[in-house]
Amino acid sequence: NLVTPIADAWMDSTPLVCITGQVRTTLIGTDAFQECDITGVTMPIVKHSWLVQDARDIPAAMKAAFHVARTGRCGPVLVDIPRDVQEAELDFAYPDTVELPGWKPPRKVHPLQIRQAGEVLARAEKPVLYVGGGTLNADACDELRELAEAGRFPVISTLMGKSAFPETHELFFGWPGMHGPKWSNIAMNTCDVLVAVGARFDDRVTGKLSAFAPGATVVHLDIDAAEISKLRDEDVPVVGPLRDALAGIATEVRKHRAADAPAPEAWLRKLEALREEFPLKYATDGDFVKPQWLIEQLQELTAGQDVVFTTGVGQHQMWAMQYLLPERPRTFITSGGLGTMGYGIPAAIGAKAARPEATVICIDGDGCFQMTSQELVTAVLDDLPIIVVLVNNGYLGMVTQWQDMFFDGRRSHVHLDAAMPDYVKLAEAYGGVGMVVRERDEVRPALEEALALGRTVVVDVRVDPLEQCFPMIPAGAAALDMIEFEENVEAAS
């Protein structure tokens, strides 16, 4: 059951220590009852794994596991402990140091790389800071803001980088890729200097890679040297801790600004105009609650409050990306690289455990919800109250959208009954509170009540089952070849 979570953590560079049980050491390799070579199974998706066959090795293995998971590029590790080793006794004490001769992540950035990056960026006429989840893992959000403000650079964050930069800031210009706004994708693909900060040029960002940002000089900042030029050739690599790299580049930018490099004000005005010209849009008529409007209401109700959002995966996730505007780091948690359905509720419970003083809201779809709804019992029994806002359209929405758009509406195995199961009764069965919302004028009062209760709540909001998520870049297409909301309406008519 851990393989999918481990793969999720591997793709999103999430530090995760997994401890698994194994058959007795004398039975390993005999196909004993419930034996599984879990270290072998997970080898491609962990940073390292340990099969502990002597209880005296447990302290060093655990110390090393937490060290490896959290240093360098974060990621998952696994410690497999046979039953007889678990039952053994020892005088337990962690070692003072970790002895891993082959593990040497970079601890500093070469000053020449910082100088080159600073000069290229300062002299850019159309720069963009392309910010990924590595910025959050590096705790480099303050340094990112410092650099952006020092040079007046526009910031565009990936799904995994969302919340690394305050999204109400004047220098924030959206999210790139498949469901990013048109203005963000135009900025990324017409800039003259693209600075990737802890981002990896994922296909959901670039679209057709050969057509992505064709005229840009690329500066790539990353803790992992293996990412440099993996997909896109970099002109200026900057390898090392991002906090040091961003702070150093900000210092260099200030030097050039004080000399002869002007701020890119004309470029900022152009991006502002593009944002005005191509806003996110959706139809506001009809009898159903629109999912975009629902999330806008959540944004209004929680603006300025201490709130952490988590999501499942699918249309609701993309609408959350588009319409939530977090202002503080680590307040938007989602599954990016693997796109693991069912992620939202367990992530929300974990966030509440880590931040008990915060309000934690999971924006979930009806398909995702049914994969991990049983975890509501954990939220209730362990007194970790979360609010689940269920964007319930009665379908596996994103799959339905693809089947309608690319397979001539030939739908297969995507229809769910919006009223099945009864989500109110299900929430109550787990000891929580359930609400169902069918009309627009019921939305705001239900959300306000959920926020005030201080209990685990499921708000089942019945939204338009025909609503699709736009803009959208078809798989394999260039980032600028996006399908927009109006085009879909015309095609449907």
Protein backbone atom coordinates (compact mmCIF):
# COMPACT_ATOMS: atom_id res chain seq x y z
CA ASN A 1 0.00 0.00 0.00
CA LEU A 2 3.01 2.32 0.35
CA VAL A 3 4.24 2.07 -3.22
CA THR A 4 1.97 4.78 -4.62
CA PRO A 5 2.68 7.24 -1.78
CA ILE A 6 6.41 6.59 -2.16
CA ALA A 7 6.20 7.25 -5.90
CA ASP A 8 4.22 10.42 -5.18
CA ALA A 9 6.91 11.61 -2.77
CA TRP A 10 9.62 10.71 -5.29
CA MET A 11 8.01 12.76 -8.06
CA ASP A 12 7.30 15.76 -5.82
CA SER A 13 10.58 15.66 -3.85
CA THR A 14 8.78 15.18 -0.54
CA PRO A 15 10.91 14.02 2.41
CA LEU A 16 9.33 10.78 3.59
CA VAL A 17 10.66 8.06 5.89
CA CYS A 18 8.84 4.73 5.48
CA ILE A 19 9.29 1.92 8.01
CA THR A 20 8.04 -1.46 6.84
CA GLY A 21 7.80 -4.85 8.48
CA GLN A 22 9.46 -7.92 7.00
CA VAL A 23 9.35 -11.65 7.70
CA ARG A 24 11.93 -13.05 10.09
CA THR A 25 15.50 -12.96 8.85
CA THR A 26 15.61 -16.77 8.73
CA LEU A 27 12.67 -16.76 6.29
CA ILE A 28 13.85 -14.05 3.88
CA GLY A 29 14.09 -15.48 0.38
CA THR A 30 11.85 -18.48 1.06
CA ASP A 31 8.54 -17.04 -0.20
CA ALA A 32 7.27 -17.13 3.37
CA PHE A 33 3.75 -15.98 4.29
CA GLN A 34 3.45 -12.24 3.50
CA GLU A 35 7.08 -11.93 2.42
CA CYS A 36 7.66 -9.08 -0.03
CA ASP A 37 10.96 -7.77 -1.30
CA ILE A 38 9.86 -4.21 -0.62
CA THR A 39 13.37 -2.78 -0.87
CA GLY A 40 13.59 -4.31 -4.34
CA VAL A 41 10.10 -3.21 -5.34
CA THR A 42 10.74 0.40 -4.36
CA MET A 43 14.35 0.67 -5.52
CA PRO A 44 13.59 2.98 -8.50
CA ILE A 45 11.52 5.40 -6.40
CA VAL A 46 13.51 5.92 -3.20
CA LYS A 47 16.70 7.83 -2.54
CA HIS A 48 17.98 4.93 -0.48
CA SER A 49 16.68 1.92 1.44
CA TRP A 50 17.92 -0.24 4.29
CA LEU A 51 17.13 -3.88 5.14
CA VAL A 52 18.10 -4.07 8.81
CA GLN A 53 19.13 -7.59 9.81
CA ASP A 54 20.66 -6.82 13.21
CA ALA A 55 18.87 -4.81 15.91
CA ARG A 56 22.13 -3.03 16.75
CA ASP A 57 22.01 -1.42 13.30
CA ILE A 58 18.61 0.19 13.85
CA PRO A 59 19.85 3.47 15.45
CA ALA A 60 22.34 4.17 12.65
CA ALA A 61 19.83 3.22 9.95
CA MET A 62 17.12 5.50 11.35
CA LYS A 63 19.53 8.40 11.84
CA ALA A 64 20.74 7.98 8.26
CA ALA A 65 17.21 7.63 6.90
CA PHE A 66 16.03 10.98 8.24
CA HIS A 67 19.29 12.62 7.16
CA VAL A 68 19.09 11.38 3.57
CA ALA A 69 15.37 12.18 3.23
CA ARG A 70 15.89 15.82 4.22
CA THR A 71 19.27 16.76 2.75
CA GLY A 72 20.09 17.57 -0.85
CA ARG A 73 17.03 17.11 -3.01
CA CYS A 74 14.33 15.93 -0.59
CA GLY A 75 12.68 12.59 -1.21
CA PRO A 76 11.52 9.25 0.22
CA VAL A 77 13.61 6.57 1.90
CA LEU A 78 12.62 3.16 3.26
CA VAL A 79 13.76 1.12 6.24
CA ASP A 80 12.67 -2.55 6.19
CA ILE A 81 12.84 -4.31 9.57
CA PRO A 82 12.28 -8.09 9.93
CA ARG A 83 10.02 -9.23 12.75
CA ASP A 84 12.75 -10.89 14.82
CA VAL A 85 14.79 -7.68 14.61
CA GLN A 86 11.75 -5.70 15.78
CA GLU A 87 11.36 -8.01 18.77
CA ALA A 88 15.03 -7.88 19.80
CA GLU A 89 16.28 -5.79 22.72
CA LEU A 90 19.18 -3.35 22.75
CA ASP A 91 20.43 -0.27 24.54
CA PHE A 92 19.13 2.31 22.05
CA ALA A 93 21.08 5.50 21.35
CA TYR A 94 21.32 7.52 18.17
CA PRO A 95 24.86 8.01 16.86
CA ASP A 96 26.16 11.59 16.95
CA THR A 97 27.07 11.60 13.27
CA VAL A 98 25.91 9.97 10.06
CA GLU A 99 28.46 7.87 8.22
CA LEU A 100 27.44 7.87 4.54
CA PRO A 101 30.62 8.19 2.45
CA GLY A 102 28.74 8.28 -0.87
CA TRP A 103 26.18 10.90 0.17
CA LYS A 104 27.58 14.39 -0.43
CA PRO A 105 24.87 16.84 -1.54
CA PRO A 106 26.15 20.30 -2.45
CA ARG A 107 26.48 22.68 0.48
CA LYS A 108 27.42 25.87 -1.34
CA VAL A 109 27.08 27.55 -4.71
CA HIS A 110 30.01 28.46 -6.91
CA PRO A 111 30.41 32.27 -6.81
CA LEU A 112 31.11 32.43 -10.57
CA GLN A 113 27.71 30.86 -11.28
CA ILE A 114 26.05 33.44 -9.06
CA ARG A 115 27.83 36.32 -10.80
CA GLN A 116 26.92 35.04 -14.25
CA ALA A 117 23.29 34.49 -13.32
CA GLY A 118 23.02 37.90 -11.69
CA GLU A 119 24.46 39.71 -14.69
CA VAL A 120 22.28 37.86 -17.22
CA LEU A 121 19.14 38.44 -15.18
CA ALA A 122 19.82 42.09 -14.39
CA ARG A 123 20.31 42.95 -18.06
CA ALA A 124 17.22 41.08 -19.27
CA GLU A 125 14.50 43.13 -20.92
CA LYS A 126 11.83 40.43 -20.55
CA PRO A 127 12.77 38.23 -17.58
CA VAL A 128 10.62 35.62 -15.84
CA LEU A 129 11.25 33.76 -12.59
CA TYR A 130 9.83 30.25 -13.11
CA VAL A 131 9.39 28.91 -9.58
CA GLY A 132 8.98 25.24 -8.65
CA GLY A 133 8.47 23.20 -5.52
CA GLY A 134 12.19 23.08 -4.79
CA THR A 135 11.87 26.65 -3.54
CA LEU A 136 9.52 25.52 -0.78
CA ASN A 137 11.66 22.49 0.10
CA ALA A 138 14.68 24.77 0.43
CA ASP A 139 12.81 27.24 2.68
CA ALA A 140 13.94 29.86 0.20
CA CYS A 141 10.70 31.83 -0.14
CA ASP A 142 12.02 34.96 1.58
CA GLU A 143 15.06 34.95 -0.68
CA LEU A 144 12.84 34.48 -3.73
CA ARG A 145 10.81 37.53 -2.80
CA GLU A 146 13.99 39.46 -2.13
CA LEU A 147 15.27 38.69 -5.63
CA ALA A 148 11.96 39.47 -7.33
CA GLU A 149 11.66 42.82 -5.59
CA ALA A 150 15.32 43.69 -6.06
CA GLY A 151 15.03 43.40 -9.83
CA ARG A 152 11.29 43.95 -10.36
CA PHE A 153 11.06 40.49 -11.89
CA PRO A 154 7.71 38.82 -12.67
CA VAL A 155 7.14 35.52 -10.85
CA ILE A 156 5.26 32.53 -12.28
CA SER A 157 4.91 29.45 -10.06
CA THR A 158 4.20 25.85 -10.95
CA LEU A 159 1.51 23.82 -9.23
CA MET A 160 4.14 22.46 -6.82
CA GLY A 161 5.59 25.94 -6.33
CA LYS A 162 2.22 27.49 -5.51
CA SER A 163 2.43 29.54 -2.28
CA ALA A 164 6.20 30.03 -2.54
CA PHE A 165 5.49 33.64 -3.55
CA PRO A 166 2.53 35.70 -2.29
CA GLU A 167 -0.06 35.51 -5.05
CA THR A 168 -1.57 38.91 -4.28
CA HIS A 169 1.82 40.55 -4.89
CA GLU A 170 2.07 42.92 -7.84
CA LEU A 171 4.93 40.86 -9.29
CA PHE A 172 3.00 37.59 -9.30
CA PHE A 173 1.81 36.59 -12.76
CA GLY A 174 0.13 33.23 -12.41
CA TRP A 175 0.86 29.60 -13.18
CA PRO A 176 2.23 28.00 -16.34
CA GLY A 177 1.32 25.01 -18.40
CA MET A 178 -1.65 22.87 -19.30
CA HIS A 179 -4.29 24.76 -17.32
CA GLY A 180 -2.38 27.95 -16.66
CA PRO A 181 -3.76 31.30 -17.81
CA LYS A 182 -2.93 32.52 -21.28
CA TRP A 183 -0.97 35.50 -19.96
CA SER A 184 1.31 33.26 -17.90
CA ASN A 185 2.08 31.00 -20.84
CA ILE A 186 2.71 33.95 -23.15
CA ALA A 187 5.13 35.38 -20.58
CA MET A 188 7.00 32.08 -20.23
CA ASN A 189 7.24 31.53 -23.97
CA THR A 190 8.20 35.06 -25.08
CA CYS A 191 10.64 36.02 -22.33
CA ASP A 192 14.30 36.64 -23.12
CA VAL A 193 15.66 35.28 -19.81
CA LEU A 194 13.94 32.38 -18.02
CA VAL A 195 15.18 31.64 -14.52
CA ALA A 196 14.05 28.21 -13.30
CA VAL A 197 14.15 28.12 -9.50
CA GLY A 198 13.79 24.60 -8.17
CA ALA A 199 11.68 23.61 -11.19
CA ARG A 200 12.27 20.73 -13.61
CA PHE A 201 10.67 21.66 -16.97
CA ASP A 202 7.88 19.14 -16.53
CA ASP A 203 5.83 18.27 -19.62
CA ARG A 204 2.68 19.70 -18.01
CA VAL A 205 4.49 23.05 -17.88
CA THR A 206 6.33 23.09 -21.20
CA GLY A 207 3.87 21.39 -23.54
CA LYS A 208 5.82 20.52 -26.67
CA LEU A 209 9.34 20.86 -25.30
CA SER A 210 11.00 21.83 -28.59
CA ALA A 211 8.64 24.81 -28.85
CA PHE A 212 8.98 25.97 -25.23
CA ALA A 213 10.51 29.42 -24.62
CA PRO A 214 12.42 29.24 -27.90
CA GLY A 215 14.23 32.55 -27.61
CA ALA A 216 15.06 32.50 -23.92
CA THR A 217 18.42 32.38 -22.22
CA VAL A 218 17.89 29.79 -19.49
CA VAL A 219 19.29 30.10 -15.99
CA HIS A 220 18.60 26.99 -13.90
CA LEU A 221 18.91 26.98 -10.11
CA ASP A 222 18.66 23.56 -8.46
CA ILE A 223 20.09 21.53 -5.59
CA ASP A 224 20.17 18.47 -7.86
CA ALA A 225 22.84 18.63 -10.56
CA ALA A 226 21.07 15.81 -12.42
CA GLU A 227 18.25 18.23 -13.31
CA ILE A 228 20.56 20.63 -15.10
CA SER A 229 20.08 20.23 -18.88
CA LYS A 230 18.05 17.05 -18.33
CA LEU A 231 15.23 18.30 -20.56
CA ARG A 232 16.18 21.81 -21.61
CA ASP A 233 19.77 22.92 -22.21
CA GLU A 234 20.75 25.58 -19.70
CA ASP A 235 22.92 28.57 -20.53
CA VAL A 236 23.81 29.35 -16.91
CA PRO A 237 23.62 26.47 -14.39
CA VAL A 238 23.53 27.32 -10.68
CA VAL A 239 23.85 24.21 -8.52
CA GLY A 240 23.52 24.28 -4.76
CA PRO A 241 21.27 25.39 -1.90
CA LEU A 242 18.61 27.71 -3.28
CA ARG A 243 18.61 30.08 -0.31
CA ASP A 244 22.27 30.90 -0.91
CA ALA A 245 21.83 31.03 -4.67
CA LEU A 246 18.85 33.39 -4.61
CA ALA A 247 20.36 35.67 -1.99
CA GLY A 248 23.63 35.86 -3.92
CA ILE A 249 21.90 36.59 -7.23
CA ALA A 250 19.80 39.31 -5.56
CA THR A 251 23.01 40.98 -4.39
CA GLU A 252 24.43 40.85 -7.91
CA VAL A 253 21.23 42.26 -9.40
CA ARG A 254 21.34 45.23 -7.02
CA LYS A 255 24.90 45.97 -8.12
CA HIS A 256 23.89 46.09 -11.77
CA ARG A 257 20.73 48.06 -11.02
CA ALA A 258 22.84 50.69 -9.28
CA ALA A 259 25.06 50.86 -12.35
CA ASP A 260 23.41 50.72 -15.77
CA ALA A 261 20.74 47.98 -15.85
CA PRO A 262 17.17 49.36 -15.74
CA ALA A 263 14.24 47.51 -14.24
CA PRO A 264 11.99 45.82 -16.85
CA GLU A 265 9.03 48.15 -16.33
CA ALA A 266 7.86 47.99 -19.95
CA TRP A 267 7.74 44.19 -19.72
CA LEU A 268 5.73 44.34 -16.50
CA ARG A 269 3.23 46.74 -18.11
CA LYS A 270 2.89 44.37 -21.06
CA LEU A 271 2.18 41.41 -18.78
CA GLU A 272 -0.39 43.44 -16.86
CA ALA A 273 -2.08 44.28 -20.16
CA LEU A 274 -2.08 40.60 -21.18
CA ARG A 275 -3.65 39.67 -17.86
CA GLU A 276 -6.41 42.20 -18.51
CA GLU A 277 -6.87 40.98 -22.09
CA PHE A 278 -7.01 37.24 -21.31
CA PRO A 279 -8.61 36.83 -17.86
CA LEU A 280 -9.79 33.50 -16.52
CA LYS A 281 -13.42 33.13 -17.56
CA TYR A 282 -16.38 30.86 -17.05
CA ALA A 283 -20.11 31.06 -17.74
CA THR A 284 -22.15 32.43 -14.85
CA ASP A 285 -25.61 31.46 -16.12
CA GLY A 286 -27.46 28.19 -15.67
CA ASP A 287 -29.11 26.44 -12.76
CA PHE A 288 -25.98 24.86 -11.23
CA VAL A 289 -23.33 26.14 -8.87
CA LYS A 290 -20.19 26.80 -10.90
CA PRO A 291 -17.09 25.18 -9.38
CA GLN A 292 -14.94 28.22 -10.16
CA TRP A 293 -17.38 30.48 -8.35
CA LEU A 294 -17.42 28.09 -5.40
CA ILE A 295 -13.65 28.34 -5.01
CA GLU A 296 -13.80 32.12 -5.40
CA GLN A 297 -16.18 32.16 -2.43
CA LEU A 298 -13.69 30.11 -0.42
CA GLN A 299 -10.93 32.54 -1.34
CA GLU A 300 -13.01 35.52 -0.21
CA LEU A 301 -14.07 33.89 3.05
CA THR A 302 -10.55 32.85 4.06
CA ALA A 303 -8.46 35.75 2.71
CA GLY A 304 -6.00 36.92 5.34
CA GLN A 305 -6.73 34.00 7.67
CA ASP A 306 -4.41 31.21 8.76
CA VAL A 307 -5.64 28.58 6.30
CA VAL A 308 -3.95 25.61 4.67
CA PHE A 309 -5.53 24.18 1.53
CA THR A 310 -5.05 20.65 0.23
CA THR A 311 -6.56 19.15 -2.91
CA GLY A 312 -7.25 15.89 -4.64
CA VAL A 313 -6.37 15.52 -8.32
CA GLY A 314 -8.42 16.51 -11.33
CA GLN A 315 -10.53 19.46 -12.44
CA HIS A 316 -11.11 20.68 -8.90
CA GLN A 317 -7.35 20.74 -8.38
CA MET A 318 -6.85 22.95 -11.42
CA TRP A 319 -9.67 25.29 -10.41
CA ALA A 320 -8.08 25.54 -6.96
CA MET A 321 -4.80 26.45 -8.62
CA GLN A 322 -6.50 29.15 -10.68
CA TYR A 323 -8.75 30.75 -8.06
CA LEU A 324 -7.00 30.38 -4.71
CA LEU A 325 -4.38 33.02 -3.96
CA PRO A 326 -2.24 31.93 -1.00
CA GLU A 327 -0.03 34.56 0.57
CA ARG A 328 2.15 32.42 2.84
CA PRO A 329 4.43 29.46 2.06
CA ARG A 330 3.22 25.88 2.51
CA THR A 331 -0.45 26.81 2.52
CA PHE A 332 -1.30 24.92 -0.68
CA ILE A 333 -0.54 21.20 -0.67
CA THR A 334 -1.24 18.93 -3.61
CA SER A 335 0.02 15.98 -5.64
CA GLY A 336 1.79 17.17 -8.79
CA GLY A 337 4.16 14.82 -10.56
CA LEU A 338 2.22 11.60 -9.98
CA GLY A 339 -1.25 13.12 -9.79
CA THR A 340 -2.40 10.74 -7.06
CA MET A 341 -6.17 10.69 -6.62
CA GLY A 342 -7.25 10.50 -2.99
CA TYR A 343 -4.35 12.68 -1.85
CA GLY A 344 -6.42 15.52 -0.38
CA ILE A 345 -7.93 14.08 2.81
CA PRO A 346 -4.78 12.36 4.18
CA ALA A 347 -2.75 15.46 3.32
CA ALA A 348 -5.26 17.65 5.14
CA ILE A 349 -5.08 15.47 8.26
CA GLY A 350 -1.28 15.63 8.14
CA ALA A 351 -1.36 19.40 7.73
CA LYS A 352 -3.70 19.72 10.71
CA ALA A 353 -1.37 17.58 12.82
CA ALA A 354 1.56 19.80 11.88
CA ARG A 355 -0.39 23.08 12.16
CA PRO A 356 -3.19 22.50 14.72
CA GLU A 357 -3.79 26.22 15.04
CA ALA A 358 -4.58 26.60 11.31
CA THR A 359 -7.87 25.98 9.55
CA VAL A 360 -7.30 23.14 7.08
CA ILE A 361 -9.56 22.84 4.04
CA CYS A 362 -9.45 19.99 1.54
CA ILE A 363 -10.90 20.82 -1.86
CA ASP A 364 -11.81 17.41 -3.21
CA GLY A 365 -13.68 15.81 -6.09
CA ASP A 366 -16.28 13.11 -5.69
CA GLY A 367 -14.00 10.58 -7.40
CA CYS A 368 -10.98 11.39 -5.23
CA PHE A 369 -13.05 11.58 -2.05
CA GLN A 370 -14.26 8.01 -2.38
CA MET A 371 -10.68 6.70 -2.52
CA THR A 372 -9.69 7.89 0.97
CA SER A 373 -12.92 9.00 2.67
CA GLN A 374 -12.36 6.33 5.33
CA GLU A 375 -9.57 8.52 6.72
CA LEU A 376 -12.23 10.87 8.09
CA VAL A 377 -12.31 8.50 11.05
CA THR A 378 -8.66 9.39 11.73
CA ALA A 379 -9.52 13.11 11.70
CA VAL A 380 -12.35 12.53 14.17
CA LEU A 381 -10.71 10.04 16.55
CA ASP A 382 -7.41 11.92 16.71
CA ASP A 383 -9.13 15.30 17.11
CA LEU A 384 -7.69 16.72 13.87
CA PRO A 385 -10.74 18.52 12.45
CA ILE A 386 -10.64 19.29 8.75
CA ILE A 387 -13.15 20.76 6.32
CA VAL A 388 -13.74 18.89 3.06
CA VAL A 389 -15.37 20.97 0.35
CA LEU A 390 -16.61 18.41 -2.14
CA VAL A 391 -16.76 19.71 -5.72
CA ASN A 392 -19.35 17.12 -6.67
CA ASN A 393 -20.20 16.98 -10.38
CA GLY A 394 -21.13 13.30 -10.48
CA TYR A 395 -18.27 12.45 -12.86
CA LEU A 396 -14.58 11.74 -12.99
CA GLY A 397 -14.40 15.25 -14.36
CA MET A 398 -10.97 15.52 -15.93
CA VAL A 399 -11.26 12.15 -17.65
CA THR A 400 -14.71 13.11 -18.91
CA GLN A 401 -13.30 16.36 -20.32
CA TRP A 402 -10.58 14.48 -22.20
CA GLN A 403 -13.00 11.92 -23.55
CA ASP A 404 -15.37 14.66 -24.74
CA MET A 405 -12.64 16.79 -26.31
CA PHE A 406 -10.34 14.19 -27.83
CA PHE A 407 -12.49 11.08 -28.29
CA ASP A 408 -15.62 12.65 -29.78
CA GLY A 409 -17.59 12.33 -26.56
CA ARG A 410 -17.22 8.54 -26.34
CA ARG A 411 -17.39 8.26 -22.58
CA SER A 412 -16.23 5.18 -20.74
CA HIS A 413 -16.43 4.48 -17.00
CA VAL A 414 -16.57 8.11 -15.87
CA HIS A 415 -20.12 8.60 -14.64
CA LEU A 416 -20.70 8.68 -10.89
CA ASP A 417 -24.02 9.35 -9.19
CA ALA A 418 -23.74 12.71 -7.43
CA ALA A 419 -26.04 11.45 -4.68
CA MET A 420 -24.37 8.07 -4.23
CA PRO A 421 -23.10 7.60 -1.66
CA ASP A 422 -25.01 9.94 0.64
CA TYR A 423 -22.07 12.12 1.67
CA VAL A 424 -23.96 13.70 4.57
CA LYS A 425 -24.72 10.33 6.13
CA LEU A 426 -21.19 9.14 5.39
CA ALA A 427 -19.66 12.12 7.21
CA GLU A 428 -22.00 11.57 10.14
CA ALA A 429 -21.19 7.85 10.24
CA TYR A 430 -17.53 8.75 10.77
CA GLY A 431 -18.43 11.17 13.57
CA GLY A 432 -18.26 14.36 11.51
CA VAL A 433 -20.79 16.83 10.19
CA GLY A 434 -22.31 16.60 6.72
CA MET A 435 -23.98 19.29 4.63
CA VAL A 436 -25.36 19.27 1.10
CA VAL A 437 -25.56 22.39 -1.06
CA ARG A 438 -27.54 22.54 -4.29
CA GLU A 439 -28.18 26.27 -4.84
CA ARG A 440 -25.90 29.28 -5.13
CA ASP A 441 -27.53 31.09 -2.22
CA GLU A 442 -26.79 28.09 0.02
CA VAL A 443 -23.04 28.09 -0.64
CA ARG A 444 -21.87 31.00 1.47
CA PRO A 445 -23.90 30.13 4.61
CA ALA A 446 -22.75 26.50 4.45
CA LEU A 447 -19.09 27.46 4.14
CA GLU A 448 -19.38 29.99 6.95
CA GLU A 449 -20.98 27.39 9.21
CA ALA A 450 -18.32 24.81 8.35
CA LEU A 451 -15.56 27.29 9.18
CA ALA A 452 -17.17 28.13 12.51
CA LEU A 453 -17.90 24.61 13.78
CA GLY A 454 -14.38 23.49 14.68
CA ARG A 455 -15.27 19.91 13.70
CA THR A 456 -14.59 17.61 10.78
CA VAL A 457 -17.09 18.69 8.14
CA VAL A 458 -17.95 17.50 4.64
CA VAL A 459 -19.72 20.10 2.52
CA ASP A 460 -21.18 18.31 -0.51
CA VAL A 461 -21.60 21.02 -3.16
CA ARG A 462 -23.47 19.87 -6.27
CA VAL A 463 -21.79 21.70 -9.16
CA ASP A 464 -22.43 21.89 -12.89
CA PRO A 465 -21.73 18.40 -14.31
CA LEU A 466 -20.92 19.81 -17.76
CA GLU A 467 -18.36 22.39 -16.65
CA GLN A 468 -14.91 22.00 -18.17
CA CYS A 469 -11.56 23.42 -17.08
CA PHE A 470 -10.07 26.12 -19.31
CA PRO A 471 -7.70 27.27 -20.64
CA MET A 472 -6.22 23.95 -21.68
CA ILE A 473 -3.16 22.96 -23.68
CA PRO A 474 -3.77 19.60 -25.40
CA ALA A 475 -1.18 16.95 -24.59
CA GLY A 476 1.83 17.25 -26.90
CA ALA A 477 0.83 20.68 -28.22
CA ALA A 478 2.93 23.81 -27.88
CA ALA A 479 2.15 25.91 -24.82
CA LEU A 480 0.75 28.75 -26.90
CA ASP A 481 -1.65 26.45 -28.78
CA MET A 482 -4.18 26.51 -25.99
CA ILE A 483 -7.92 25.97 -26.13
CA GLU A 484 -9.79 28.81 -24.49
CA PHE A 485 -13.22 29.03 -22.96
CA GLU A 486 -14.88 30.93 -25.83
CA GLU A 487 -13.55 28.54 -28.47
CA ASN A 488 -15.12 25.60 -26.68
CA VAL A 489 -18.50 27.36 -26.47
CA GLU A 490 -18.43 28.10 -30.19
CA ALA A 491 -17.44 24.53 -31.03
CA ALA A 492 -20.22 23.13 -28.85
CA SER A 493 -22.81 25.36 -30.49
